[in-house]
Protein backbone atom coordinates (compact mmCIF):
# COMPACT_ATOMS: atom_id res chain seq x y z
CA MET A 1 55.90 -120.24 74.41
CA GLU A 2 57.91 -123.12 75.81
CA GLU A 3 57.99 -123.35 79.61
CA LEU A 4 60.81 -121.16 80.82
CA ASP A 5 62.23 -123.72 83.24
CA GLU A 6 62.64 -126.14 80.31
CA MET A 7 64.63 -123.66 78.22
CA THR A 8 68.40 -123.53 78.24
CA TYR A 9 70.18 -120.34 79.27
CA SER A 10 71.09 -119.59 75.64
CA GLU A 11 67.48 -120.17 74.58
CA LEU A 12 66.37 -117.71 77.27
CA ILE A 13 68.86 -115.13 75.99
CA ARG A 14 67.55 -115.58 72.42
CA GLU A 15 63.95 -115.30 73.65
CA GLU A 16 64.80 -112.13 75.57
CA GLU A 17 66.42 -110.60 72.48
CA HIS A 18 63.46 -111.61 70.32
CA LEU A 19 60.94 -110.10 72.74
CA ILE A 20 62.90 -106.86 73.05
CA ASP A 21 63.14 -106.57 69.25
CA TYR A 22 59.45 -107.37 68.87
CA ILE A 23 58.40 -104.87 71.56
CA ASN A 24 60.59 -102.17 70.00
CA THR A 25 59.10 -102.82 66.55
CA VAL A 26 55.51 -102.84 67.79
CA THR A 27 56.13 -99.76 69.93
CA GLU A 28 57.30 -97.88 66.83
CA ILE A 29 54.08 -98.90 65.09
CA GLY A 30 51.72 -98.01 67.91
CA GLY A 31 52.41 -99.56 71.31
CA ALA A 32 53.53 -102.97 72.51
CA ALA A 33 51.04 -105.43 73.87
CA ARG A 34 51.01 -106.14 77.58
CA THR A 35 51.43 -109.85 76.89
CA GLU A 36 54.89 -109.35 75.41
CA TYR A 37 55.95 -107.21 78.36
CA ARG A 38 54.80 -109.97 80.75
CA GLN A 39 56.69 -112.57 78.72
CA LEU A 40 59.82 -110.42 78.75
CA ASP A 41 59.53 -109.94 82.52
CA ALA A 42 59.19 -113.71 83.00
CA VAL A 43 62.20 -114.45 80.78
CA GLN A 44 64.33 -111.84 82.54
CA GLU A 45 63.32 -113.17 85.97
CA GLU A 46 64.32 -116.69 84.90
CA LEU A 47 67.66 -115.39 83.60
CA GLU A 48 68.21 -113.56 86.87
CA LYS A 49 67.48 -116.72 88.89
CA ARG A 50 69.94 -118.73 86.85
CA SER A 51 72.71 -116.17 87.08
CA GLU A 52 72.55 -116.06 90.88
CA PRO A 53 74.83 -118.42 92.78
CA PRO A 54 73.04 -121.54 94.02
């Protein structure tokens, strides 16, 4: 996965949506992997940082 600080805000949003969709799909099949949860947490933290006023 591309370094989060190098991704644009819209790329982060797309990555977040992709990870949520993937986790939901895998969970339906038998449980999402911890790696995807960590990636989602990292993406959401980066989004949170960028949405805060400087």
